[in-house]
């Protein structure tokens, strides 16, 4: 719950479990300038459950995922190419930019390297 009082020279905001006695004093003193807001409905949400996150997540390509995980693990394109069996750095760059598709075999290796689901790369 929140009680808010605003007048030209006074600005009071009280949050939490406000005692009725305090509310009655505020109402008596400030009358119609007191607003009582029940904000119990403002619960925390997991970002992954929001429509915004789901929309953004759906638009991320496998190559972008590859780049995100590579950067998260602080691996250069050349180092990732070596871990994938000696692929050239340009090959990795082209996969990240969506110019070159990520093969199923490469997706499996990426999944093992980054310890995530293979679906991130296919």
PDB file of N, CA and C in Angstrom:
ATOM      1  N   UNK A   1       0.841  -1.161   0.000  1.00  0.00           N
ATOM      2  CA  UNK A   1       0.000   0.000   0.000  1.00  0.00           C
ATOM      3  C   UNK A   1       0.895   1.236   0.000  1.00  0.00           C
ATOM      4  N   UNK A   2       0.384   2.312  -0.562  1.00  0.00           N
ATOM      5  CA  UNK A   2       1.135   3.560  -0.631  1.00  0.00           C
ATOM      6  C   UNK A   2       0.167   4.711  -0.354  1.00  0.00           C
ATOM      7  N   UNK A   3       0.596   5.644   0.485  1.00  0.00           N
ATOM      8  CA  UNK A   3      -0.175   6.862   0.740  1.00  0.00           C
ATOM      9  C   UNK A   3       0.648   8.036   0.220  1.00  0.00           C
ATOM     10  N   UNK A   4       0.026   8.871  -0.593  1.00  0.00           N
ATOM     11  CA  UNK A   4       0.734  10.001  -1.195  1.00  0.00           C
ATOM     12  C   UNK A   4      -0.039  11.275  -0.898  1.00  0.00           C
ATOM     13  N   UNK A   5       0.680  12.301  -0.423  1.00  0.00           N
ATOM     14  CA  UNK A   5       0.095  13.616  -0.176  1.00  0.00           C
ATOM     15  C   UNK A   5       0.908  14.618  -0.971  1.00  0.00           C
ATOM     16  N   UNK A   6       0.229  15.407  -1.802  1.00  0.00           N
ATOM     17  CA  UNK A   6       0.922  16.443  -2.562  1.00  0.00           C
ATOM     18  C   UNK A   6       0.143  17.737  -2.447  1.00  0.00           C
ATOM     19  N   UNK A   7       0.797  18.742  -1.926  1.00  0.00           N
ATOM     20  CA  UNK A   7       0.267  20.099  -1.898  1.00  0.00           C
ATOM     21  C   UNK A   7       1.400  20.987  -2.402  1.00  0.00           C
ATOM     22  N   UNK A   8       1.140  22.267  -2.628  1.00  0.00           N
ATOM     23  CA  UNK A   8       2.214  23.108  -3.166  1.00  0.00           C
ATOM     24  C   UNK A   8       3.521  23.075  -2.380  1.00  0.00           C
ATOM     25  N   UNK A   9       3.470  22.912  -1.069  1.00  0.00           N
ATOM     26  CA  UNK A   9       4.697  22.942  -0.276  1.00  0.00           C
ATOM     27  C   UNK A   9       4.981  21.640   0.448  1.00  0.00           C
ATOM     28  N   UNK A  10       4.164  20.627   0.234  1.00  0.00           N
ATOM     29  CA  UNK A  10       4.320  19.359   0.965  1.00  0.00           C
ATOM     30  C   UNK A  10       4.248  18.197  -0.019  1.00  0.00           C
ATOM     31  N   UNK A  11       5.169  17.277   0.147  1.00  0.00           N
ATOM     32  CA  UNK A  11       5.165  16.052  -0.658  1.00  0.00           C
ATOM     33  C   UNK A  11       5.507  14.902   0.283  1.00  0.00           C
ATOM     34  N   UNK A  12       4.526  14.071   0.588  1.00  0.00           N
ATOM     35  CA  UNK A  12       4.713  12.941   1.504  1.00  0.00           C
ATOM     36  C   UNK A  12       4.376  11.664   0.754  1.00  0.00           C
ATOM     37  N   UNK A  13       5.251  10.678   0.848  1.00  0.00           N
ATOM     38  CA  UNK A  13       4.972   9.359   0.279  1.00  0.00           C
ATOM     39  C   UNK A  13       5.360   8.311   1.312  1.00  0.00           C
ATOM     40  N   UNK A  14       4.417   7.474   1.678  1.00  0.00           N
ATOM     41  CA  UNK A  14       4.644   6.421   2.664  1.00  0.00           C
ATOM     42  C   UNK A  14       4.302   5.095   1.994  1.00  0.00           C
ATOM     43  N   UNK A  15       5.197   4.146   2.108  1.00  0.00           N
ATOM     44  CA  UNK A  15       4.978   2.831   1.491  1.00  0.00           C
ATOM     45  C   UNK A  15       5.046   1.746   2.545  1.00  0.00           C
ATOM     46  N   UNK A  16       4.362   0.684   2.280  1.00  0.00           N
ATOM     47  CA  UNK A  16       4.413  -0.468   3.178  1.00  0.00           C
ATOM     48  C   UNK A  16       3.069  -0.713   3.840  1.00  0.00           C
ATOM     49  N   UNK A  17       3.091  -1.405   4.956  1.00  0.00           N
ATOM     50  CA  UNK A  17       1.883  -1.715   5.710  1.00  0.00           C
ATOM     51  C   UNK A  17       1.577  -0.524   6.612  1.00  0.00           C
ATOM     52  N   UNK A  18       0.784   0.428   6.105  1.00  0.00           N
ATOM     53  CA  UNK A  18       0.532   1.689   6.795  1.00  0.00           C
ATOM     54  C   UNK A  18      -0.600   1.494   7.805  1.00  0.00           C
ATOM     55  N   UNK A  19      -0.353   1.847   9.074  1.00  0.00           N
ATOM     56  CA  UNK A  19      -1.394   1.699  10.100  1.00  0.00           C
ATOM     57  C   UNK A  19      -2.604   2.594   9.802  1.00  0.00           C
ATOM     58  N   UNK A  20      -3.792   2.113  10.113  1.00  0.00           N
ATOM     59  CA  UNK A  20      -5.031   2.854   9.885  1.00  0.00           C
ATOM     60  C   UNK A  20      -5.021   4.192  10.622  1.00  0.00           C
ATOM     61  N   UNK A  21      -4.429   4.231  11.805  1.00  0.00           N
ATOM     62  CA  UNK A  21      -4.385   5.460  12.592  1.00  0.00           C
ATOM     63  C   UNK A  21      -3.636   6.553  11.816  1.00  0.00           C
ATOM     64  N   UNK A  22      -2.524   6.195  11.214  1.00  0.00           N
ATOM     65  CA  UNK A  22      -1.749   7.153  10.426  1.00  0.00           C
ATOM     66  C   UNK A  22      -2.533   7.607   9.198  1.00  0.00           C
ATOM     67  N   UNK A  23      -3.211   6.670   8.529  1.00  0.00           N
ATOM     68  CA  UNK A  23      -4.023   7.019   7.360  1.00  0.00           C
ATOM     69  C   UNK A  23      -5.127   7.998   7.735  1.00  0.00           C
ATOM     70  N   UNK A  24      -5.778   7.763   8.882  1.00  0.00           N
ATOM     71  CA  UNK A  24      -6.871   8.655   9.298  1.00  0.00           C
ATOM     72  C   UNK A  24      -6.339  10.047   9.626  1.00  0.00           C
ATOM     73  N   UNK A  25      -5.141  10.141  10.232  1.00  0.00           N
ATOM     74  CA  UNK A  25      -4.543  11.445  10.519  1.00  0.00           C
ATOM     75  C   UNK A  25      -4.245  12.179   9.213  1.00  0.00           C
ATOM     76  N   UNK A  26      -3.673  11.476   8.243  1.00  0.00           N
ATOM     77  CA  UNK A  26      -3.372  12.100   6.947  1.00  0.00           C
ATOM     78  C   UNK A  26      -4.646  12.572   6.261  1.00  0.00           C
ATOM     79  N   UNK A  27      -5.688  11.740   6.277  1.00  0.00           N
ATOM     80  CA  UNK A  27      -6.959  12.108   5.640  1.00  0.00           C
ATOM     81  C   UNK A  27      -7.585  13.313   6.332  1.00  0.00           C
ATOM     82  N   UNK A  28      -7.530  13.322   7.663  1.00  0.00           N
ATOM     83  CA  UNK A  28      -8.104  14.427   8.422  1.00  0.00           C
ATOM     84  C   UNK A  28      -7.348  15.726   8.135  1.00  0.00           C
ATOM     85  N   UNK A  29      -6.036  15.653   8.081  1.00  0.00           N
ATOM     86  CA  UNK A  29      -5.209  16.846   7.894  1.00  0.00           C
ATOM     87  C   UNK A  29      -5.229  17.360   6.455  1.00  0.00           C
ATOM     88  N   UNK A  30      -5.159  16.432   5.467  1.00  0.00           N
ATOM     89  CA  UNK A  30      -4.975  16.854   4.075  1.00  0.00           C
ATOM     90  C   UNK A  30      -6.185  16.591   3.182  1.00  0.00           C
ATOM     91  N   UNK A  31      -7.196  15.952   3.708  1.00  0.00           N
ATOM     92  CA  UNK A  31      -8.442  15.753   2.963  1.00  0.00           C
ATOM     93  C   UNK A  31      -8.254  15.110   1.604  1.00  0.00           C
ATOM     94  N   UNK A  32      -8.744  15.825   0.570  1.00  0.00           N
ATOM     95  CA  UNK A  32      -8.738  15.246  -0.778  1.00  0.00           C
ATOM     96  C   UNK A  32      -7.342  15.176  -1.405  1.00  0.00           C
ATOM     97  N   UNK A  33      -6.344  15.764  -0.770  1.00  0.00           N
ATOM     98  CA  UNK A  33      -4.975  15.694  -1.291  1.00  0.00           C
ATOM     99  C   UNK A  33      -4.294  14.362  -0.987  1.00  0.00           C
ATOM    100  N   UNK A  34      -4.953  13.511  -0.207  1.00  0.00           N
ATOM    101  CA  UNK A  34      -4.389  12.199   0.127  1.00  0.00           C
ATOM    102  C   UNK A  34      -4.866  11.193  -0.910  1.00  0.00           C
ATOM    103  N   UNK A  35      -3.931  10.471  -1.479  1.00  0.00           N
ATOM    104  CA  UNK A  35      -4.257   9.388  -2.410  1.00  0.00           C
ATOM    105  C   UNK A  35      -3.768   8.087  -1.801  1.00  0.00           C
ATOM    106  N   UNK A  36      -4.626   7.100  -1.738  1.00  0.00           N
ATOM    107  CA  UNK A  36      -4.247   5.784  -1.242  1.00  0.00           C
ATOM    108  C   UNK A  36      -4.153   4.865  -2.456  1.00  0.00           C
ATOM    109  N   UNK A  37      -2.990   4.285  -2.640  1.00  0.00           N
ATOM    110  CA  UNK A  37      -2.749   3.403  -3.778  1.00  0.00           C
ATOM    111  C   UNK A  37      -2.417   2.017  -3.248  1.00  0.00           C
ATOM    112  N   UNK A  38      -3.187   1.031  -3.658  1.00  0.00           N
ATOM    113  CA  UNK A  38      -2.893  -0.343  -3.256  1.00  0.00           C
ATOM    114  C   UNK A  38      -2.032  -0.951  -4.348  1.00  0.00           C
ATOM    115  N   UNK A  39      -0.732  -1.048  -4.080  1.00  0.00           N
ATOM    116  CA  UNK A  39       0.198  -1.547  -5.099  1.00  0.00           C
ATOM    117  C   UNK A  39       0.627  -2.979  -4.832  1.00  0.00           C
ATOM    118  N   UNK A  40      -0.231  -3.753  -4.198  1.00  0.00           N
ATOM    119  CA  UNK A  40       0.085  -5.162  -3.948  1.00  0.00           C
ATOM    120  C   UNK A  40       0.152  -5.969  -5.236  1.00  0.00           C
ATOM    121  N   UNK A  41      -0.417  -5.429  -6.326  1.00  0.00           N
ATOM    122  CA  UNK A  41      -0.408  -6.147  -7.601  1.00  0.00           C
ATOM    123  C   UNK A  41       0.915  -6.008  -8.343  1.00  0.00           C
ATOM    124  N   UNK A  42       1.829  -5.171  -7.869  1.00  0.00           N
ATOM    125  CA  UNK A  42       3.113  -4.960  -8.529  1.00  0.00           C
ATOM    126  C   UNK A  42       4.102  -6.038  -8.103  1.00  0.00           C
ATOM    127  N   UNK A  43       3.912  -7.233  -8.598  1.00  0.00           N
ATOM    128  CA  UNK A  43       4.793  -8.337  -8.250  1.00  0.00           C
ATOM    129  C   UNK A  43       5.943  -8.403  -9.247  1.00  0.00           C
ATOM    130  N   UNK A  44       7.049  -8.946  -8.796  1.00  0.00           N
ATOM    131  CA  UNK A  44       8.215  -9.101  -9.653  1.00  0.00           C
ATOM    132  C   UNK A  44       7.931 -10.156 -10.720  1.00  0.00           C
ATOM    133  N   UNK A  45       8.414  -9.916 -11.916  1.00  0.00           N
ATOM    134  CA  UNK A  45       8.289 -10.854 -13.022  1.00  0.00           C
ATOM    135  C   UNK A  45       9.667 -11.340 -13.430  1.00  0.00           C
ATOM    136  N   UNK A  46       9.721 -12.567 -13.888  1.00  0.00           N
ATOM    137  CA  UNK A  46      10.955 -13.045 -14.495  1.00  0.00           C
ATOM    138  C   UNK A  46      11.011 -12.479 -15.903  1.00  0.00           C
ATOM    139  N   UNK A  47      12.145 -11.935 -16.279  1.00  0.00           N
ATOM    140  CA  UNK A  47      12.287 -11.341 -17.613  1.00  0.00           C
ATOM    141  C   UNK A  47      11.974 -12.366 -18.695  1.00  0.00           C
ATOM    142  N   UNK A  48      12.356 -13.614 -18.469  1.00  0.00           N
ATOM    143  CA  UNK A  48      12.143 -14.660 -19.472  1.00  0.00           C
ATOM    144  C   UNK A  48      10.664 -14.946 -19.706  1.00  0.00           C
ATOM    145  N   UNK A  49       9.791 -14.518 -18.808  1.00  0.00           N
ATOM    146  CA  UNK A  49       8.357 -14.757 -18.958  1.00  0.00           C
ATOM    147  C   UNK A  49       7.630 -13.625 -19.665  1.00  0.00           C
ATOM    148  N   UNK A  50       8.330 -12.548 -19.980  1.00  0.00           N
ATOM    149  CA  UNK A  50       7.679 -11.402 -20.607  1.00  0.00           C
ATOM    150  C   UNK A  50       7.605 -11.561 -22.117  1.00  0.00           C
ATOM    151  N   UNK A  51       6.618 -10.939 -22.703  1.00  0.00           N
ATOM    152  CA  UNK A  51       6.469 -10.977 -24.158  1.00  0.00           C
ATOM    153  C   UNK A  51       7.652 -10.350 -24.866  1.00  0.00           C
ATOM    154  N   UNK A  52       8.180  -9.260 -24.281  1.00  0.00           N
ATOM    155  CA  UNK A  52       9.342  -8.589 -24.867  1.00  0.00           C
ATOM    156  C   UNK A  52      10.516  -9.561 -24.995  1.00  0.00           C
ATOM    157  N   UNK A  53      10.819 -10.285 -23.929  1.00  0.00           N
ATOM    158  CA  UNK A  53      11.950 -11.207 -23.944  1.00  0.00           C
ATOM    159  C   UNK A  53      11.720 -12.323 -24.961  1.00  0.00           C
ATOM    160  N   UNK A  54      10.526 -12.868 -24.992  1.00  0.00           N
ATOM    161  CA  UNK A  54      10.231 -13.964 -25.921  1.00  0.00           C
ATOM    162  C   UNK A  54      10.369 -13.498 -27.374  1.00  0.00           C
ATOM    163  N   UNK A  55       9.955 -12.272 -27.647  1.00  0.00           N
ATOM    164  CA  UNK A  55      10.075 -11.727 -29.003  1.00  0.00           C
ATOM    165  C   UNK A  55      11.541 -11.559 -29.386  1.00  0.00           C
ATOM    166  N   UNK A  56      12.335 -10.977 -28.484  1.00  0.00           N
ATOM    167  CA  UNK A  56      13.762 -10.782 -28.741  1.00  0.00           C
ATOM    168  C   UNK A  56      14.452 -12.126 -28.890  1.00  0.00           C
ATOM    169  N   UNK A  57      14.144 -13.048 -28.011  1.00  0.00           N
ATOM    170  CA  UNK A  57      14.766 -14.380 -28.022  1.00  0.00           C
ATOM    171  C   UNK A  57      14.492 -15.103 -29.339  1.00  0.00           C
ATOM    172  N   UNK A  58      13.271 -14.960 -29.838  1.00  0.00           N
ATOM    173  CA  UNK A  58      12.903 -15.631 -31.092  1.00  0.00           C
ATOM    174  C   UNK A  58      13.633 -15.028 -32.289  1.00  0.00           C
ATOM    175  N   UNK A  59      14.051 -13.769 -32.172  1.00  0.00           N
ATOM    176  CA  UNK A  59      14.698 -13.117 -33.315  1.00  0.00           C
ATOM    177  C   UNK A  59      16.210 -13.340 -33.342  1.00  0.00           C
ATOM    178  N   UNK A  60      16.779 -13.941 -32.303  1.00  0.00           N
ATOM    179  CA  UNK A  60      18.225 -14.179 -32.275  1.00  0.00           C
ATOM    180  C   UNK A  60      18.550 -15.402 -33.132  1.00  0.00           C
ATOM    181  N   UNK A  61      19.481 -15.235 -34.047  1.00  0.00           N
ATOM    182  CA  UNK A  61      19.850 -16.317 -34.964  1.00  0.00           C
ATOM    183  C   UNK A  61      20.863 -17.255 -34.299  1.00  0.00           C
ATOM    184  N   UNK A  62      21.022 -18.462 -34.838  1.00  0.00           N
ATOM    185  CA  UNK A  62      22.036 -19.375 -34.305  1.00  0.00           C
ATOM    186  C   UNK A  62      23.445 -18.769 -34.336  1.00  0.00           C
ATOM    187  N   UNK A  63      23.758 -18.009 -35.387  1.00  0.00           N
ATOM    188  CA  UNK A  63      25.072 -17.369 -35.477  1.00  0.00           C
ATOM    189  C   UNK A  63      25.272 -16.325 -34.386  1.00  0.00           C
ATOM    190  N   UNK A  64      24.204 -15.572 -34.101  1.00  0.00           N
ATOM    191  CA  UNK A  64      24.294 -14.582 -33.022  1.00  0.00           C
ATOM    192  C   UNK A  64      24.484 -15.279 -31.675  1.00  0.00           C
ATOM    193  N   UNK A  65      23.789 -16.396 -31.495  1.00  0.00           N
ATOM    194  CA  UNK A  65      23.987 -17.188 -30.273  1.00  0.00           C
ATOM    195  C   UNK A  65      25.437 -17.649 -30.168  1.00  0.00           C
ATOM    196  N   UNK A  66      25.973 -18.099 -31.279  1.00  0.00           N
ATOM    197  CA  UNK A  66      27.358 -18.571 -31.302  1.00  0.00           C
ATOM    198  C   UNK A  66      28.299 -17.449 -30.866  1.00  0.00           C
ATOM    199  N   UNK A  67      28.099 -16.248 -31.409  1.00  0.00           N
ATOM    200  CA  UNK A  67      28.935 -15.103 -31.052  1.00  0.00           C
ATOM    201  C   UNK A  67      28.764 -14.740 -29.581  1.00  0.00           C
ATOM    202  N   UNK A  68      27.514 -14.732 -29.094  1.00  0.00           N
ATOM    203  CA  UNK A  68      27.257 -14.398 -27.691  1.00  0.00           C
ATOM    204  C   UNK A  68      27.964 -15.365 -26.745  1.00  0.00           C
ATOM    205  N   UNK A  69      27.851 -16.657 -27.027  1.00  0.00           N
ATOM    206  CA  UNK A  69      28.512 -17.645 -26.166  1.00  0.00           C
ATOM    207  C   UNK A  69      30.033 -17.557 -26.280  1.00  0.00           C
ATOM    208  N   UNK A  70      30.531 -17.313 -27.482  1.00  0.00           N
ATOM    209  CA  UNK A  70      31.981 -17.182 -27.662  1.00  0.00           C
ATOM    210  C   UNK A  70      32.499 -16.004 -26.846  1.00  0.00           C
ATOM    211  N   UNK A  71      31.815 -14.863 -26.932  1.00  0.00           N
ATOM    212  CA  UNK A  71      32.241 -13.682 -26.184  1.00  0.00           C
ATOM    213  C   UNK A  71      32.077 -13.879 -24.679  1.00  0.00           C
ATOM    214  N   UNK A  72      31.015 -14.565 -24.290  1.00  0.00           N
ATOM    215  CA  UNK A  72      30.793 -14.848 -22.871  1.00  0.00           C
ATOM    216  C   UNK A  72      31.928 -15.677 -22.283  1.00  0.00           C
ATOM    217  N   UNK A  73      32.447 -16.601 -23.081  1.00  0.00           N
ATOM    218  CA  UNK A  73      33.549 -17.467 -22.642  1.00  0.00           C
ATOM    219  C   UNK A  73      34.919 -16.864 -22.963  1.00  0.00           C
ATOM    220  N   UNK A  74      34.916 -15.631 -23.478  1.00  0.00           N
ATOM    221  CA  UNK A  74      36.163 -14.909 -23.781  1.00  0.00           C
ATOM    222  C   UNK A  74      37.092 -15.710 -24.705  1.00  0.00           C
ATOM    223  N   UNK A  75      36.489 -16.223 -25.778  1.00  0.00           N
ATOM    224  CA  UNK A  75      37.234 -16.996 -26.773  1.00  0.00           C
ATOM    225  C   UNK A  75      37.235 -16.190 -28.074  1.00  0.00           C
ATOM    226  N   UNK A  76      38.378 -16.090 -28.728  1.00  0.00           N
ATOM    227  CA  UNK A  76      38.444 -15.397 -30.017  1.00  0.00           C
ATOM    228  C   UNK A  76      37.877 -16.308 -31.105  1.00  0.00           C
ATOM    229  N   UNK A  77      37.596 -15.728 -32.252  1.00  0.00           N
ATOM    230  CA  UNK A  77      37.108 -16.532 -33.378  1.00  0.00           C
ATOM    231  C   UNK A  77      38.142 -17.581 -33.766  1.00  0.00           C
ATOM    232  N   UNK A  78      39.406 -17.199 -33.754  1.00  0.00           N
ATOM    233  CA  UNK A  78      40.477 -18.147 -34.119  1.00  0.00           C
ATOM    234  C   UNK A  78      40.530 -19.306 -33.114  1.00  0.00           C
ATOM    235  N   UNK A  79      40.418 -18.981 -31.816  1.00  0.00           N
ATOM    236  CA  UNK A  79      40.455 -20.038 -30.794  1.00  0.00           C
ATOM    237  C   UNK A  79      39.264 -20.976 -30.926  1.00  0.00           C
ATOM    238  N   UNK A  80      38.091 -20.414 -31.212  1.00  0.00           N
ATOM    239  CA  UNK A  80      36.913 -21.261 -31.400  1.00  0.00           C
ATOM    240  C   UNK A  80      37.088 -22.155 -32.619  1.00  0.00           C
ATOM    241  N   UNK A  81      37.649 -21.592 -33.684  1.00  0.00           N
ATOM    242  CA  UNK A  81      37.909 -22.394 -34.883  1.00  0.00           C
ATOM    243  C   UNK A  81      38.801 -23.586 -34.574  1.00  0.00           C
ATOM    244  N   UNK A  82      39.830 -23.376 -33.758  1.00  0.00           N
ATOM    245  CA  UNK A  82      40.721 -24.477 -33.357  1.00  0.00           C
ATOM    246  C   UNK A  82      39.965 -25.528 -32.563  1.00  0.00           C
ATOM    247  N   UNK A  83      39.122 -25.074 -31.630  1.00  0.00           N
ATOM    248  CA  UNK A  83      38.352 -26.008 -30.806  1.00  0.00           C
ATOM    249  C   UNK A  83      37.354 -26.814 -31.637  1.00  0.00           C
ATOM    250  N   UNK A  84      36.928 -26.229 -32.750  1.00  0.00           N
ATOM    251  CA  UNK A  84      35.978 -26.913 -33.627  1.00  0.00           C
ATOM    252  C   UNK A  84      36.670 -27.802 -34.656  1.00  0.00           C
ATOM    253  N   UNK A  85      37.958 -27.982 -34.529  1.00  0.00           N
ATOM    254  CA  UNK A  85      38.658 -28.888 -35.433  1.00  0.00           C
ATOM    255  C   UNK A  85      39.471 -28.189 -36.495  1.00  0.00           C
ATOM    256  N   UNK A  86      39.922 -26.982 -36.226  1.00  0.00           N
ATOM    257  CA  UNK A  86      40.789 -26.294 -37.164  1.00  0.00           C
ATOM    258  C   UNK A  86      40.073 -25.476 -38.214  1.00  0.00           C
ATOM    259  N   UNK A  87      38.883 -24.985 -37.918  1.00  0.00           N
ATOM    260  CA  UNK A  87      38.182 -24.132 -38.872  1.00  0.00           C
ATOM    261  C   UNK A  87      38.854 -22.758 -38.922  1.00  0.00           C
ATOM    262  N   UNK A  88      38.949 -22.149 -40.106  1.00  0.00           N
ATOM    263  CA  UNK A  88      39.561 -20.827 -40.201  1.00  0.00           C
ATOM    264  C   UNK A  88      38.711 -19.763 -39.491  1.00  0.00           C
ATOM    265  N   UNK A  89      39.356 -18.711 -39.032  1.00  0.00           N
ATOM    266  CA  UNK A  89      38.674 -17.621 -38.344  1.00  0.00           C
ATOM    267  C   UNK A  89      37.567 -17.035 -39.213  1.00  0.00           C
ATOM    268  N   UNK A  90      37.821 -16.880 -40.510  1.00  0.00           N
ATOM    269  CA  UNK A  90      36.824 -16.316 -41.425  1.00  0.00           C
ATOM    270  C   UNK A  90      35.574 -17.195 -41.497  1.00  0.00           C
ATOM    271  N   UNK A  91      35.759 -18.484 -41.380  1.00  0.00           N
ATOM    272  CA  UNK A  91      34.646 -19.440 -41.366  1.00  0.00           C
ATOM    273  C   UNK A  91      33.747 -19.149 -40.160  1.00  0.00           C
ATOM    274  N   UNK A  92      34.379 -18.949 -39.003  1.00  0.00           N
ATOM    275  CA  UNK A  92      33.642 -18.652 -37.765  1.00  0.00           C
ATOM    276  C   UNK A  92      32.909 -17.319 -37.924  1.00  0.00           C
ATOM    277  N   UNK A  93      33.598 -16.316 -38.464  1.00  0.00           N
ATOM    278  CA  UNK A  93      32.996 -15.005 -38.684  1.00  0.00           C
ATOM    279  C   UNK A  93      31.766 -15.109 -39.581  1.00  0.00           C
ATOM    280  N   UNK A  94      31.876 -15.873 -40.658  1.00  0.00           N
ATOM    281  CA  UNK A  94      30.752 -16.033 -41.584  1.00  0.00           C
ATOM    282  C   UNK A  94      29.565 -16.743 -40.926  1.00  0.00           C
ATOM    283  N   UNK A  95      29.828 -17.699 -40.045  1.00  0.00           N
ATOM    284  CA  UNK A  95      28.734 -18.372 -39.325  1.00  0.00           C
ATOM    285  C   UNK A  95      28.057 -17.398 -38.367  1.00  0.00           C
ATOM    286  N   UNK A  96      28.841 -16.604 -37.670  1.00  0.00           N
ATOM    287  CA  UNK A  96      28.277 -15.646 -36.718  1.00  0.00           C
ATOM    288  C   UNK A  96      27.417 -14.597 -37.410  1.00  0.00           C
ATOM    289  N   UNK A  97      27.800 -14.202 -38.609  1.00  0.00           N
ATOM    290  CA  UNK A  97      27.057 -13.177 -39.353  1.00  0.00           C
ATOM    291  C   UNK A  97      25.935 -13.761 -40.195  1.00  0.00           C
ATOM    292  N   UNK A  98      25.762 -15.074 -40.182  1.00  0.00           N
ATOM    293  CA  UNK A  98      24.678 -15.705 -40.923  1.00  0.00           C
ATOM    294  C   UNK A  98      24.955 -15.891 -42.398  1.00  0.00           C
ATOM    295  N   UNK A  99      26.189 -15.669 -42.822  1.00  0.00           N
ATOM    296  CA  UNK A  99      26.560 -15.859 -44.225  1.00  0.00           C
ATOM    297  C   UNK A  99      26.728 -17.340 -44.508  1.00  0.00           C
ATOM    298  N   UNK A 100      27.215 -18.072 -43.529  1.00  0.00           N
ATOM    299  CA  UNK A 100      27.448 -19.509 -43.658  1.00  0.00           C
ATOM    300  C   UNK A 100      26.603 -20.218 -42.603  1.00  0.00           C
ATOM    301  N   UNK A 101      25.926 -21.266 -43.007  1.00  0.00           N
ATOM    302  CA  UNK A 101      25.090 -22.028 -42.073  1.00  0.00           C
ATOM    303  C   UNK A 101      25.960 -22.822 -41.101  1.00  0.00           C
ATOM    304  N   UNK A 102      25.421 -23.065 -39.909  1.00  0.00           N
ATOM    305  CA  UNK A 102      26.107 -23.906 -38.931  1.00  0.00           C
ATOM    306  C   UNK A 102      25.622 -25.336 -39.150  1.00  0.00           C
ATOM    307  N   UNK A 103      26.544 -26.213 -39.481  1.00  0.00           N
ATOM    308  CA  UNK A 103      26.158 -27.605 -39.739  1.00  0.00           C
ATOM    309  C   UNK A 103      25.741 -28.282 -38.437  1.00  0.00           C
ATOM    310  N   UNK A 104      25.049 -29.402 -38.559  1.00  0.00           N
ATOM    311  CA  UNK A 104      24.616 -30.152 -37.382  1.00  0.00           C
ATOM    312  C   UNK A 104      25.826 -30.635 -36.588  1.00  0.00           C
ATOM    313  N   UNK A 105      26.869 -31.083 -37.291  1.00  0.00           N
ATOM    314  CA  UNK A 105      28.081 -31.551 -36.609  1.00  0.00           C
ATOM    315  C   UNK A 105      28.739 -30.410 -35.830  1.00  0.00           C
ATOM    316  N   UNK A 106      28.797 -29.221 -36.429  1.00  0.00           N
ATOM    317  CA  UNK A 106      29.376 -28.066 -35.746  1.00  0.00           C
ATOM    318  C   UNK A 106      28.504 -27.647 -34.570  1.00  0.00           C
ATOM    319  N   UNK A 107      27.182 -27.705 -34.748  1.00  0.00           N
ATOM    320  CA  UNK A 107      26.259 -27.358 -33.661  1.00  0.00           C
ATOM    321  C   UNK A 107      26.462 -28.288 -32.467  1.00  0.00           C
ATOM    322  N   UNK A 108      26.691 -29.565 -32.732  1.00  0.00           N
ATOM    323  CA  UNK A 108      26.942 -30.527 -31.643  1.00  0.00           C
ATOM    324  C   UNK A 108      28.227 -30.171 -30.903  1.00  0.00           C
ATOM    325  N   UNK A 109      29.261 -29.808 -31.669  1.00  0.00           N
ATOM    326  CA  UNK A 109      30.535 -29.430 -31.040  1.00  0.00           C
ATOM    327  C   UNK A 109      30.381 -28.150 -30.218  1.00  0.00           C
ATOM    328  N   UNK A 110      29.660 -27.175 -30.764  1.00  0.00           N
ATOM    329  CA  UNK A 110      29.422 -25.927 -30.038  1.00  0.00           C
ATOM    330  C   UNK A 110      28.657 -26.204 -28.737  1.00  0.00           C
ATOM    331  N   UNK A 111      27.682 -27.080 -28.828  1.00  0.00           N
ATOM    332  CA  UNK A 111      26.903 -27.460 -27.660  1.00  0.00           C
ATOM    333  C   UNK A 111      27.795 -28.048 -26.570  1.00  0.00           C
ATOM    334  N   UNK A 112      28.738 -28.887 -26.972  1.00  0.00           N
ATOM    335  CA  UNK A 112      29.659 -29.499 -26.016  1.00  0.00           C
ATOM    336  C   UNK A 112      30.649 -28.470 -25.458  1.00  0.00           C
ATOM    337  N   UNK A 113      31.152 -27.592 -26.298  1.00  0.00           N
ATOM    338  CA  UNK A 113      32.125 -26.585 -25.864  1.00  0.00           C
ATOM    339  C   UNK A 113      31.498 -25.632 -24.844  1.00  0.00           C
ATOM    340  N   UNK A 114      30.282 -25.148 -25.160  1.00  0.00           N
ATOM    341  CA  UNK A 114      29.652 -24.139 -24.311  1.00  0.00           C
ATOM    342  C   UNK A 114      28.711 -24.734 -23.259  1.00  0.00           C
ATOM    343  N   UNK A 115      28.529 -26.059 -23.314  1.00  0.00           N
ATOM    344  CA  UNK A 115      27.679 -26.755 -22.349  1.00  0.00           C
ATOM    345  C   UNK A 115      26.260 -26.204 -22.318  1.00  0.00           C
ATOM    346  N   UNK A 116      25.686 -26.066 -23.509  1.00  0.00           N
ATOM    347  CA  UNK A 116      24.295 -25.623 -23.662  1.00  0.00           C
ATOM    348  C   UNK A 116      23.599 -26.549 -24.649  1.00  0.00           C
ATOM    349  N   UNK A 117      22.301 -26.391 -24.766  1.00  0.00           N
ATOM    350  CA  UNK A 117      21.511 -27.218 -25.676  1.00  0.00           C
ATOM    351  C   UNK A 117      21.902 -26.969 -27.129  1.00  0.00           C
ATOM    352  N   UNK A 118      21.874 -28.016 -27.913  1.00  0.00           N
ATOM    353  CA  UNK A 118      22.210 -27.912 -29.337  1.00  0.00           C
ATOM    354  C   UNK A 118      21.225 -27.010 -30.088  1.00  0.00           C
ATOM    355  N   UNK A 119      20.001 -26.873 -29.554  1.00  0.00           N
ATOM    356  CA  UNK A 119      18.978 -26.042 -30.203  1.00  0.00           C
ATOM    357  C   UNK A 119      19.404 -24.575 -30.326  1.00  0.00           C
ATOM    358  N   UNK A 120      20.358 -24.139 -29.522  1.00  0.00           N
ATOM    359  CA  UNK A 120      20.834 -22.754 -29.598  1.00  0.00           C
ATOM    360  C   UNK A 120      21.539 -22.470 -30.925  1.00  0.00           C
ATOM    361  N   UNK A 121      22.020 -23.531 -31.581  1.00  0.00           N
ATOM    362  CA  UNK A 121      22.857 -23.343 -32.775  1.00  0.00           C
ATOM    363  C   UNK A 121      22.245 -23.915 -34.045  1.00  0.00           C
ATOM    364  N   UNK A 122      21.037 -24.405 -33.981  1.00  0.00           N
ATOM    365  CA  UNK A 122      20.395 -24.950 -35.202  1.00  0.00           C
ATOM    366  C   UNK A 122      19.146 -24.151 -35.544  1.00  0.00           C
TER     367      UNK A 122
END
